[in-house]
Amino acid sequence: PYPGTTTASGLSVKTNHGRLVAADTQIIPMHALVSVPGYSEGSPVPVLDRGGAIKGRRLDLLMPTFDQAKEWGTKTLEVKIYLPVSTD
């Protein structure tokens, strides 16, 4: 269970209706979009968090309840990553 209400991005966990992921931001940058099969109806969701256990090619999906997170479990999936566009 996640006790906080704010992600590492500074945005609320309720952002995007609570559909977001945590990633290793050295691999997938903050605010990139990730499409995970079976999560959020396949719609891309933002990377808005990171965590100590999220290293390498791993994602942590925010689920509405702990039971739903346990039901989802651990999966190996191919995801699509949409990197933010630089305006520089």
Protein backbone atom coordinates (compact mmCIF):
# COMPACT_ATOMS: atom_id res chain seq x y z
CA PRO A 1 0.00 0.00 0.00
CA TYR A 2 1.21 3.47 -0.92
CA PRO A 3 0.74 5.82 2.04
CA GLY A 4 1.49 9.06 0.18
CA THR A 5 -0.63 11.33 -1.93
CA THR A 6 2.09 12.99 -4.00
CA THR A 7 4.32 11.37 -6.63
CA ALA A 8 8.02 12.10 -7.21
CA SER A 9 6.92 14.43 -10.02
CA GLY A 10 5.16 16.61 -7.46
CA LEU A 11 1.75 15.71 -8.89
CA SER A 12 -1.04 13.96 -7.00
CA VAL A 13 -1.58 10.19 -7.23
CA LYS A 14 -5.05 11.16 -8.48
CA THR A 15 -3.53 12.68 -11.65
CA ASN A 16 -4.90 11.03 -14.79
CA HIS A 17 -7.65 9.47 -12.64
CA GLY A 18 -5.00 7.52 -10.71
CA ARG A 19 -3.66 5.83 -13.82
CA LEU A 20 0.10 6.28 -13.76
CA VAL A 21 3.32 4.36 -13.41
CA ALA A 22 6.60 4.52 -11.57
CA ALA A 23 9.75 3.81 -13.55
CA ASP A 24 13.52 4.00 -13.32
CA THR A 25 13.77 7.55 -14.63
CA GLN A 26 17.33 6.94 -15.80
CA ILE A 27 15.75 4.64 -18.41
CA ILE A 28 12.28 6.15 -18.96
CA PRO A 29 12.15 9.86 -18.16
CA MET A 30 9.57 11.51 -15.96
CA HIS A 31 6.45 12.51 -17.92
CA ALA A 32 7.04 9.98 -20.70
CA LEU A 33 3.94 7.98 -21.62
CA VAL A 34 3.84 4.20 -21.37
CA SER A 35 1.25 1.87 -22.87
CA VAL A 36 0.94 -1.34 -20.82
CA PRO A 37 -1.27 -4.12 -22.21
CA GLY A 38 -4.20 -4.75 -19.86
CA TYR A 39 -3.72 -1.55 -17.85
CA SER A 40 -5.87 1.55 -18.39
CA GLU A 41 -7.52 -0.14 -21.36
CA GLY A 42 -4.17 0.03 -23.18
CA SER A 43 -4.19 3.83 -23.19
CA PRO A 44 -0.80 5.44 -22.57
CA VAL A 45 -0.29 6.62 -19.00
CA PRO A 46 2.34 9.01 -17.63
CA VAL A 47 5.49 8.15 -15.72
CA LEU A 48 5.02 10.32 -12.65
CA ASP A 49 6.86 8.41 -9.96
CA ARG A 50 9.97 6.43 -9.19
CA GLY A 51 10.96 4.28 -6.26
CA GLY A 52 13.87 2.50 -4.63
CA ALA A 53 12.70 -0.90 -5.88
CA ILE A 54 12.01 0.32 -9.41
CA LYS A 55 15.37 -0.22 -11.10
CA GLY A 56 16.12 -1.17 -14.67
CA ARG A 57 13.41 -2.42 -16.97
CA ARG A 58 10.63 -2.50 -14.37
CA LEU A 59 7.44 -0.52 -13.94
CA ASP A 60 5.16 -0.16 -10.94
CA LEU A 61 1.54 0.42 -11.92
CA LEU A 62 -0.70 2.37 -9.58
CA MET A 63 -3.81 0.33 -8.82
CA PRO A 64 -6.93 1.57 -7.01
CA THR A 65 -6.66 -1.06 -4.27
CA PHE A 66 -4.05 -3.35 -2.77
CA ASP A 67 -6.21 -6.37 -3.69
CA GLN A 68 -6.23 -5.30 -7.34
CA ALA A 69 -2.46 -4.90 -7.22
CA LYS A 70 -2.08 -8.42 -5.79
CA GLU A 71 -4.46 -9.78 -8.44
CA TRP A 72 -2.42 -8.10 -11.22
CA GLY A 73 0.76 -9.57 -9.72
CA THR A 74 4.09 -9.51 -11.51
CA LYS A 75 4.10 -9.80 -15.29
CA THR A 76 6.57 -9.67 -18.12
CA LEU A 77 5.01 -7.62 -20.91
CA GLU A 78 6.10 -5.68 -23.95
CA VAL A 79 5.20 -2.02 -23.47
CA LYS A 80 5.27 1.00 -25.76
CA ILE A 81 7.13 4.08 -24.58
CA TYR A 82 6.40 7.57 -25.88
CA LEU A 83 9.21 9.95 -24.93
CA PRO A 84 8.49 13.61 -24.20
CA VAL A 85 9.31 16.01 -27.00
CA SER A 86 12.02 18.52 -26.20
CA THR A 87 11.23 22.13 -27.01
CA ASP A 88 14.89 23.21 -26.80
